[in-house]
Amino acid sequence: MARTVIVGASVGGVRTAQALRAAEYEGEIVLVGDENVLPYDKPPLSKALLAGTTSVDNVGLLTREAAAQTGIELRLGSAAVGVADGAVRLADGTELPYDDLVIATGARARPSPWGTPPGVHVVRSLDDAHRLGTALRAGGPLVVIGAGFIGAEVAATALGMGLTDVTVVDPVAVPLSRVLNEEVAGVFGDLHAGRGVTTRFGVGVTDVREAGGALEVVLDDGSVLPAATIVVGIGAIPNDEWLAHSGIPTDGGVLCDSHCSSVEAPHVWAVGDVARWWHPVYDRYVRLEHWTNAVEQAVCVAHNITHPEDLRSHAPVEYVWSDQYDWKIQLVGRTGGDLAHVRVDGADPARSFAVLYGDGTGRFIGALTVNWPKALVTCRRALSRPSTPPSTVGDVQGLLNSARQASRPTGAGAR
């Protein structure tokens, strides 16, 4: 009987196993996870789980009962450490032969380059979230290094937990400027400042040091920030080093073709944050750290394993979301950089709007939406169902303006 070994028990690995069964794969499925806990979802780690407003049971991805019912064997608590001769080797010495291997080992938080004295945290695992939650409940001040999604979410969550002394530091001029142009990203800097976060943008960290039982963050302008807790959110590194000497090529992730199959190793596939595959539309290698991409990529790989005569390419439209305070921030397609863009206000322009992005020809290629679900649906539809000729920024702008007008109240009481 054929066997597929899936290494990585987060959303990419779990969804691959489930998609294989949905595709009527009849072989054995072994799901390997390095943590000795049942698979769980990671987006809540910096939000509801960190705040204590949800429990581990509510973020689970696969129970033992569901795994048994669908014939998925769980191998948890022992990391994969190598691949050789058609088998995965685990840290406990177990060898797992495979007919197909799916690598879904994700990425880990980039470690602090300033050392890790007690009180310095990253957020990537369940244990990370538990330790940080305990620290935050003990009180501030909190310093968050890095104003990307993780840093911004942790800052927002900490304020919601009652901390009153929260500072976010980043050498960039505005938060989220790596995915949004500076003008638009500035809105989110104002959001955090307006909620009480101290923002120190455009200044870097030179040192983190212990000082009398507490911590200090030294900035390159000479200032020093006291801290009881520090969170470092400066990016992620794909977990591919365990594949050294395996014959599976890696370069900032597992190198794959457009079908998510290893460029050199037959019957080896990659899914999620660890995959660096050839995007057939962008015509280059891409690695995405997006939950939605991992789910969609899992379905693609499951299809390709079960239908080798009908291989599908993986060409997703990027989608990522972030919950900060009472704002739902969603990005779809390509955004930021030097792309031309136009803002469209929703019913409440102070907190509901969309920013539409176009290429040099005016073709619509991406959007940011904030607290405007209908705008997101419209933008995703325009991107996922290409028309001839393609939708322009003006086309989508017109649709959103019509949607806003239609949502306004009418009648004698309207204003």
Protein backbone atom coordinates (compact mmCIF):
# COMPACT_ATOMS: atom_id res chain seq x y z
CA MET A 1 0.00 0.00 0.00
CA ALA A 2 1.24 3.48 -0.87
CA ARG A 3 2.25 5.79 1.94
CA THR A 4 2.42 9.58 2.12
CA VAL A 5 4.43 11.08 4.95
CA ILE A 6 3.60 14.70 5.78
CA VAL A 7 6.18 16.50 7.91
CA GLY A 8 4.64 19.45 9.71
CA ALA A 9 1.40 19.40 11.70
CA SER A 10 0.20 22.97 11.35
CA VAL A 11 -2.49 24.08 8.92
CA GLY A 12 -0.57 23.18 5.75
CA GLY A 13 0.18 19.63 6.87
CA VAL A 14 -3.25 18.96 8.36
CA ARG A 15 -5.10 20.31 5.33
CA THR A 16 -2.92 18.23 3.00
CA ALA A 17 -3.84 15.07 4.91
CA GLN A 18 -7.52 15.97 4.85
CA ALA A 19 -7.43 16.92 1.18
CA LEU A 20 -5.80 13.58 0.31
CA ARG A 21 -8.69 11.74 1.93
CA ALA A 22 -11.19 14.05 0.22
CA ALA A 23 -9.51 13.13 -3.08
CA GLU A 24 -10.08 9.43 -2.24
CA TYR A 25 -6.42 8.64 -1.56
CA GLU A 26 -6.45 5.08 -0.23
CA GLY A 27 -2.87 4.81 1.00
CA GLU A 28 -1.43 5.34 4.45
CA ILE A 29 -1.05 8.93 5.67
CA VAL A 30 1.43 9.73 8.43
CA LEU A 31 1.41 13.25 9.90
CA VAL A 32 4.60 14.18 11.75
CA GLY A 33 4.77 17.07 14.23
CA ASP A 34 7.67 18.16 16.42
CA GLU A 35 5.44 19.52 19.22
CA ASN A 36 3.91 17.01 21.63
CA VAL A 37 0.45 18.56 21.28
CA LEU A 38 -2.40 18.03 18.85
CA PRO A 39 -2.30 20.22 15.73
CA TYR A 40 -3.52 23.77 16.31
CA ASP A 41 -4.11 26.96 14.34
CA LYS A 42 -1.49 29.70 14.66
CA PRO A 43 -3.16 33.05 13.80
CA PRO A 44 -4.84 33.24 17.27
CA LEU A 45 -1.43 33.01 19.00
CA SER A 46 -0.92 36.77 18.83
CA LYS A 47 -4.58 37.62 19.40
CA ALA A 48 -7.37 35.69 21.18
CA LEU A 49 -5.19 32.90 22.56
CA LEU A 50 -2.62 35.37 23.85
CA ALA A 51 -5.33 37.46 25.46
CA GLY A 52 -6.92 34.41 27.07
CA THR A 53 -10.28 35.00 25.38
CA THR A 54 -10.16 31.61 23.70
CA SER A 55 -8.73 28.24 24.69
CA VAL A 56 -6.46 25.71 23.04
CA ASP A 57 -9.50 23.49 22.43
CA ASN A 58 -11.01 26.21 20.26
CA VAL A 59 -7.95 26.53 18.00
CA GLY A 60 -7.39 22.84 17.37
CA LEU A 61 -7.08 21.62 13.78
CA LEU A 62 -7.39 17.87 14.23
CA THR A 63 -8.51 15.69 17.12
CA ARG A 64 -7.27 12.16 17.72
CA GLU A 65 -10.78 10.88 17.05
CA ALA A 66 -11.02 12.68 13.70
CA ALA A 67 -7.56 11.47 12.73
CA ALA A 68 -8.47 7.87 13.55
CA GLN A 69 -11.76 8.09 11.66
CA THR A 70 -10.03 9.30 8.51
CA GLY A 71 -7.03 7.02 8.77
CA ILE A 72 -4.42 9.67 9.54
CA GLU A 73 -1.61 8.38 11.75
CA LEU A 74 -0.26 11.02 14.12
CA ARG A 75 3.45 11.01 15.01
CA LEU A 76 3.78 13.89 17.44
CA GLY A 77 6.59 15.01 19.72
CA SER A 78 9.58 13.97 17.61
CA ALA A 79 10.96 16.28 14.92
CA ALA A 80 12.08 15.14 11.50
CA VAL A 81 15.86 15.48 11.28
CA GLY A 82 16.66 14.15 7.83
CA VAL A 83 15.64 12.40 4.64
CA ALA A 84 17.59 9.59 2.99
CA ASP A 85 16.88 6.57 0.79
CA GLY A 86 13.18 7.29 0.51
CA ALA A 87 12.59 7.60 4.26
CA VAL A 88 12.17 10.38 6.82
CA ARG A 89 14.32 10.04 9.92
CA LEU A 90 12.92 11.34 13.22
CA ALA A 91 14.85 12.59 16.23
CA ASP A 92 13.88 9.48 18.19
CA GLY A 93 15.52 7.27 15.56
CA THR A 94 12.32 6.19 13.80
CA GLU A 95 12.54 5.73 10.02
CA LEU A 96 9.38 6.43 8.02
CA PRO A 97 9.57 5.17 4.42
CA TYR A 98 7.38 7.05 1.96
CA ASP A 99 6.08 6.90 -1.58
CA ASP A 100 5.31 10.62 -1.45
CA LEU A 101 6.75 13.14 0.99
CA VAL A 102 5.04 16.45 1.76
CA ILE A 103 7.20 19.03 3.53
CA ALA A 104 5.04 21.41 5.56
CA THR A 105 7.44 22.42 8.32
CA GLY A 106 6.55 26.11 8.12
CA ALA A 107 8.79 28.86 9.42
CA ARG A 108 10.16 29.93 12.78
CA ALA A 109 10.45 33.40 14.23
CA ARG A 110 13.67 35.17 13.38
CA PRO A 111 15.58 35.22 16.69
CA SER A 112 16.61 38.33 18.54
CA PRO A 113 20.05 39.49 17.34
CA TRP A 114 20.48 41.28 20.67
CA GLY A 115 20.42 38.18 22.85
CA THR A 116 17.59 36.57 24.78
CA PRO A 117 17.76 37.39 28.47
CA PRO A 118 14.66 36.41 30.50
CA GLY A 119 11.72 38.53 29.41
CA VAL A 120 12.51 38.52 25.68
CA HIS A 121 9.86 36.69 23.65
CA VAL A 122 8.90 35.65 20.13
CA VAL A 123 5.44 34.41 19.09
CA ARG A 124 5.40 31.34 16.88
CA SER A 125 4.22 28.40 18.96
CA LEU A 126 1.66 27.52 21.61
CA ASP A 127 4.35 27.58 24.30
CA ASP A 128 5.48 31.01 23.09
CA ALA A 129 1.95 32.38 23.46
CA HIS A 130 1.47 30.86 26.91
CA ARG A 131 4.77 32.31 28.20
CA LEU A 132 4.09 35.73 26.73
CA GLY A 133 0.53 35.80 28.05
CA THR A 134 1.79 35.07 31.56
CA ALA A 135 4.35 37.87 31.25
CA LEU A 136 1.81 40.40 29.98
CA ARG A 137 -0.62 39.63 32.79
CA ALA A 138 2.17 40.52 35.22
CA GLY A 139 2.15 44.08 33.84
CA GLY A 140 4.29 46.36 31.67
CA PRO A 141 6.07 48.19 30.34
CA LEU A 142 6.06 46.26 27.06
CA VAL A 143 8.38 47.03 24.15
CA VAL A 144 7.56 45.44 20.80
CA ILE A 145 10.43 45.38 18.30
CA GLY A 146 9.02 45.19 14.78
CA ALA A 147 5.85 46.81 13.41
CA GLY A 148 4.75 44.08 11.05
CA PHE A 149 1.57 42.07 11.51
CA ILE A 150 2.80 40.10 14.54
CA GLY A 151 4.18 43.15 16.33
CA ALA A 152 1.09 45.24 15.62
CA GLU A 153 -1.25 42.48 16.78
CA VAL A 154 0.69 41.88 19.99
CA ALA A 155 0.63 45.60 20.80
CA ALA A 156 -3.12 45.78 20.20
CA THR A 157 -3.73 42.65 22.25
CA ALA A 158 -1.60 43.91 25.13
CA LEU A 159 -3.62 47.12 25.35
CA GLY A 160 -6.79 45.06 25.36
CA MET A 161 -5.38 43.08 28.29
CA GLY A 162 -5.02 46.27 30.30
CA LEU A 163 -1.38 47.25 29.76
CA THR A 164 -0.98 51.01 29.61
CA ASP A 165 2.71 51.31 28.74
CA VAL A 166 3.23 49.77 25.29
CA THR A 167 5.88 50.94 22.82
CA VAL A 168 6.43 49.72 19.25
CA VAL A 169 9.86 50.28 17.69
CA ASP A 170 10.81 49.82 14.04
CA PRO A 171 13.46 51.40 11.79
CA VAL A 172 10.82 51.87 9.07
CA ALA A 173 8.96 55.16 8.96
CA VAL A 174 5.48 53.63 9.34
CA PRO A 175 4.11 50.18 10.31
CA LEU A 176 3.28 47.58 7.64
CA SER A 177 5.28 49.58 5.09
CA ARG A 178 6.74 46.35 3.74
CA VAL A 179 3.33 45.42 2.34
CA LEU A 180 1.76 48.88 1.94
CA ASN A 181 3.03 52.14 0.54
CA GLU A 182 4.06 54.68 3.16
CA GLU A 183 1.08 57.00 2.71
CA VAL A 184 -1.44 54.22 3.33
CA ALA A 185 0.57 52.49 6.05
CA GLY A 186 0.65 55.76 7.98
CA VAL A 187 -3.04 55.27 8.76
CA PHE A 188 -2.12 52.27 10.91
CA GLY A 189 0.58 54.20 12.73
CA ASP A 190 -2.08 56.74 13.60
CA LEU A 191 -4.42 53.92 14.67
CA HIS A 192 -1.95 52.60 17.26
CA ALA A 193 -0.94 56.05 18.47
CA GLY A 194 -4.58 56.99 18.85
CA ARG A 195 -5.23 53.94 21.02
CA GLY A 196 -2.36 54.79 23.38
CA VAL A 197 0.66 52.98 21.93
CA THR A 198 3.92 54.91 21.94
CA THR A 199 5.36 54.59 18.44
CA ARG A 200 9.08 54.94 17.77
CA PHE A 201 9.36 54.60 14.01
CA GLY A 202 12.42 55.42 11.97
CA VAL A 203 14.75 54.38 14.78
CA GLY A 204 16.58 51.07 15.21
CA VAL A 205 17.55 48.92 18.19
CA THR A 206 21.23 48.58 19.01
CA ASP A 207 21.05 46.53 22.20
CA VAL A 208 18.80 44.74 24.67
CA ARG A 209 20.26 44.48 28.14
CA GLU A 210 19.36 43.49 31.67
CA ALA A 211 19.20 46.28 34.20
CA GLY A 212 18.41 45.73 37.86
CA GLY A 213 16.02 42.86 37.39
CA ALA A 214 14.31 44.50 34.40
CA LEU A 215 15.25 45.10 30.76
CA GLU A 216 16.34 48.05 28.67
CA VAL A 217 16.07 48.56 24.93
CA VAL A 218 18.79 50.83 23.57
CA LEU A 219 17.92 52.73 20.39
CA ASP A 220 20.29 54.11 17.79
CA ASP A 221 19.31 57.68 18.62
CA GLY A 222 20.79 57.16 22.09
CA SER A 223 17.49 56.82 23.95
CA VAL A 224 16.73 53.90 26.28
CA LEU A 225 13.34 52.27 26.81
CA PRO A 226 12.65 50.41 30.09
CA ALA A 227 10.79 47.13 29.71
CA ALA A 228 9.42 44.31 31.79
CA THR A 229 8.68 42.35 28.63
CA ILE A 230 10.07 42.55 25.10
CA VAL A 231 8.54 40.94 22.02
CA VAL A 232 10.73 40.53 18.94
CA GLY A 233 8.75 40.35 15.71
CA ILE A 234 11.29 40.86 12.93
CA GLY A 235 10.30 38.23 10.42
CA ALA A 236 10.50 34.48 9.95
CA ILE A 237 12.94 31.88 8.63
CA PRO A 238 11.71 28.80 6.71
CA ASN A 239 12.32 25.53 8.52
CA ASP A 240 14.33 23.79 5.81
CA GLU A 241 17.73 23.24 7.45
CA TRP A 242 16.78 19.67 8.45
CA LEU A 243 16.88 18.83 4.73
CA ALA A 244 20.63 19.41 4.42
CA HIS A 245 22.33 16.47 2.67
CA SER A 246 18.92 15.07 1.66
CA GLY A 247 19.23 15.84 -2.03
CA ILE A 248 16.15 18.08 -1.78
CA PRO A 249 17.20 21.56 -3.00
CA THR A 250 16.47 24.53 -0.76
CA ASP A 251 17.12 28.24 -1.13
CA GLY A 252 15.10 30.28 1.32
CA GLY A 253 12.57 27.44 1.34
CA VAL A 254 12.08 24.16 -0.52
CA LEU A 255 12.53 24.88 -4.24
CA CYS A 256 9.55 23.60 -6.22
CA ASP A 257 8.11 23.85 -9.69
CA SER A 258 4.69 25.34 -10.39
CA HIS A 259 3.04 22.08 -9.26
CA CYS A 260 4.69 22.44 -5.80
CA SER A 261 6.89 19.43 -6.53
CA SER A 262 10.60 19.54 -5.70
CA VAL A 263 12.63 20.73 -8.67
CA GLU A 264 14.96 17.73 -8.37
CA ALA A 265 13.65 15.17 -5.87
CA PRO A 266 10.80 13.03 -7.31
CA HIS A 267 7.67 12.49 -5.20
CA VAL A 268 8.66 15.30 -2.84
CA TRP A 269 6.27 18.23 -2.40
CA ALA A 270 6.15 21.37 -0.26
CA VAL A 271 3.24 23.30 1.26
CA GLY A 272 2.91 26.53 3.21
CA ASP A 273 5.56 28.86 4.63
CA VAL A 274 8.44 26.50 3.81
CA ALA A 275 7.57 26.20 0.11
CA ARG A 276 9.32 28.38 -2.47
CA TRP A 277 7.67 27.54 -5.73
CA TRP A 278 7.62 28.85 -9.29
CA HIS A 279 4.58 31.10 -9.65
CA PRO A 280 3.39 30.65 -13.26
CA VAL A 281 1.79 34.11 -13.41
CA TYR A 282 4.57 36.10 -11.74
CA ASP A 283 7.22 34.02 -13.56
CA ARG A 284 9.48 33.82 -10.52
CA TYR A 285 9.96 31.87 -7.30
CA VAL A 286 7.60 32.92 -4.51
CA ARG A 287 7.34 32.08 -0.81
CA LEU A 288 4.21 33.23 1.02
CA GLU A 289 3.67 33.25 4.78
CA HIS A 290 -0.11 33.34 4.48
CA TRP A 291 -2.63 31.01 6.12
CA THR A 292 -4.86 31.02 3.04
CA ASN A 293 -1.97 30.12 0.75
CA ALA A 294 -1.11 27.10 2.91
CA VAL A 295 -4.71 25.86 2.71
CA GLU A 296 -4.96 26.33 -1.06
CA GLN A 297 -1.52 24.86 -1.66
CA ALA A 298 -2.46 21.79 0.37
CA VAL A 299 -5.43 21.13 -1.91
CA CYS A 300 -3.23 21.55 -4.99
CA VAL A 301 -0.60 19.11 -3.71
CA ALA A 302 -3.23 16.54 -2.68
CA HIS A 303 -4.71 16.70 -6.18
CA ASN A 304 -1.30 16.29 -7.80
CA ILE A 305 -0.41 13.28 -5.65
CA THR A 306 -3.71 11.58 -6.45
CA HIS A 307 -3.88 12.69 -10.12
CA PRO A 308 -0.31 12.52 -11.49
CA GLU A 309 -1.72 12.47 -15.01
CA ASP A 310 -3.49 15.81 -14.46
CA LEU A 311 -1.07 18.07 -12.60
CA ARG A 312 -2.30 21.49 -11.50
CA SER A 313 -0.20 24.61 -11.11
CA HIS A 314 -0.48 26.69 -7.95
CA ALA A 315 -1.13 30.31 -8.91
CA PRO A 316 -2.94 31.88 -5.97
CA VAL A 317 -4.15 35.41 -5.51
CA GLU A 318 -2.50 36.44 -2.23
CA TYR A 319 -4.78 37.03 0.72
CA VAL A 320 -3.85 37.92 4.28
CA TRP A 321 -5.75 39.46 7.18
CA SER A 322 -4.94 41.05 10.51
CA ASP A 323 -7.17 41.90 13.48
CA GLN A 324 -5.99 44.99 15.36
CA TYR A 325 -8.31 46.46 18.00
CA ASP A 326 -11.73 46.57 16.36
CA TRP A 327 -10.26 46.88 12.85
CA LYS A 328 -10.35 44.03 10.34
CA ILE A 329 -7.48 44.63 7.92
CA GLN A 330 -7.43 42.50 4.74
CA LEU A 331 -5.07 42.49 1.78
CA VAL A 332 -5.66 40.69 -1.49
CA GLY A 333 -3.38 40.51 -4.53
CA ARG A 334 -0.33 42.74 -4.92
CA THR A 335 -0.09 45.90 -2.84
CA GLY A 336 2.41 48.49 -1.70
CA GLY A 337 5.71 49.56 -3.18
CA ASP A 338 5.53 52.05 -6.01
CA LEU A 339 2.21 50.79 -7.35
CA ALA A 340 -0.37 53.40 -8.32
CA HIS A 341 -3.26 53.44 -5.89
CA VAL A 342 -6.54 55.15 -5.12
CA ARG A 343 -8.53 55.26 -1.91
CA VAL A 344 -12.27 54.64 -1.82
CA ASP A 345 -14.09 55.53 1.40
CA GLY A 346 -16.76 53.32 2.88
CA ALA A 347 -19.83 54.32 4.85
CA ASP A 348 -17.68 55.56 7.76
CA PRO A 349 -14.47 56.95 6.20
CA ALA A 350 -12.77 57.23 9.59
CA ARG A 351 -12.64 53.44 9.91
CA SER A 352 -14.04 51.92 6.71
CA PHE A 353 -12.21 52.24 3.40
CA ALA A 354 -10.42 50.43 0.59
CA VAL A 355 -7.22 51.18 -1.30
CA LEU A 356 -7.07 49.84 -4.86
CA TYR A 357 -3.74 49.13 -6.57
CA GLY A 358 -2.97 49.02 -10.27
CA ASP A 359 -0.04 48.24 -12.52
CA GLY A 360 1.46 50.62 -15.05
CA THR A 361 -1.47 50.09 -17.43
CA GLY A 362 -4.15 50.72 -14.81
CA ARG A 363 -5.05 47.04 -14.53
CA PHE A 364 -6.42 46.20 -11.08
CA ILE A 365 -3.96 43.93 -9.25
CA GLY A 366 -4.63 44.23 -5.52
CA ALA A 367 -6.42 45.91 -2.65
CA LEU A 368 -6.41 46.75 1.01
CA THR A 369 -9.80 46.80 2.71
CA VAL A 370 -10.55 47.93 6.27
CA ASN A 371 -13.84 47.08 7.99
CA TRP A 372 -15.62 46.76 4.66
CA PRO A 373 -16.59 43.13 3.88
CA LYS A 374 -18.45 43.91 0.65
CA ALA A 375 -15.41 45.71 -0.72
CA LEU A 376 -13.26 42.68 -0.03
CA VAL A 377 -15.70 40.37 -1.82
CA THR A 378 -15.80 42.68 -4.82
CA CYS A 379 -12.00 42.93 -5.01
CA ARG A 380 -11.40 39.19 -4.62
CA ARG A 381 -13.98 38.45 -7.30
CA ALA A 382 -12.31 40.89 -9.70
CA LEU A 383 -8.92 39.27 -9.10
CA SER A 384 -9.94 35.62 -9.07
CA ARG A 385 -12.20 35.78 -12.13
CA PRO A 386 -10.17 37.65 -14.75
CA SER A 387 -12.27 39.32 -17.42
CA THR A 388 -11.44 40.27 -20.98
CA PRO A 389 -10.34 42.98 -21.02
CA PRO A 390 -9.00 42.84 -17.43
CA SER A 391 -10.66 44.92 -14.74
CA THR A 392 -9.13 48.34 -14.25
CA VAL A 393 -8.76 50.24 -11.00
CA GLY A 394 -11.47 52.54 -12.29
CA ASP A 395 -13.85 49.62 -12.87
CA VAL A 396 -13.46 48.38 -9.31
CA GLN A 397 -13.64 51.89 -7.92
CA GLY A 398 -17.00 52.32 -9.65
CA LEU A 399 -18.30 49.06 -8.18
CA LEU A 400 -17.28 50.11 -4.66
CA ASN A 401 -18.81 53.55 -5.02
CA SER A 402 -22.07 51.91 -6.12
CA ALA A 403 -21.94 49.48 -3.20
CA ARG A 404 -21.42 52.35 -0.75
CA GLN A 405 -24.34 54.29 -2.16
CA ALA A 406 -26.58 51.21 -2.02
CA SER A 407 -25.70 50.62 1.64
CA ARG A 408 -26.71 54.11 2.76
CA PRO A 409 -30.07 54.37 4.55
CA THR A 410 -32.96 55.88 2.65
CA GLY A 411 -36.28 57.44 3.62
CA ALA A 412 -37.37 60.25 5.86
CA GLY A 413 -34.86 59.45 8.58
CA ALA A 414 -31.86 59.36 6.27
CA ARG A 415 -29.25 62.08 6.39
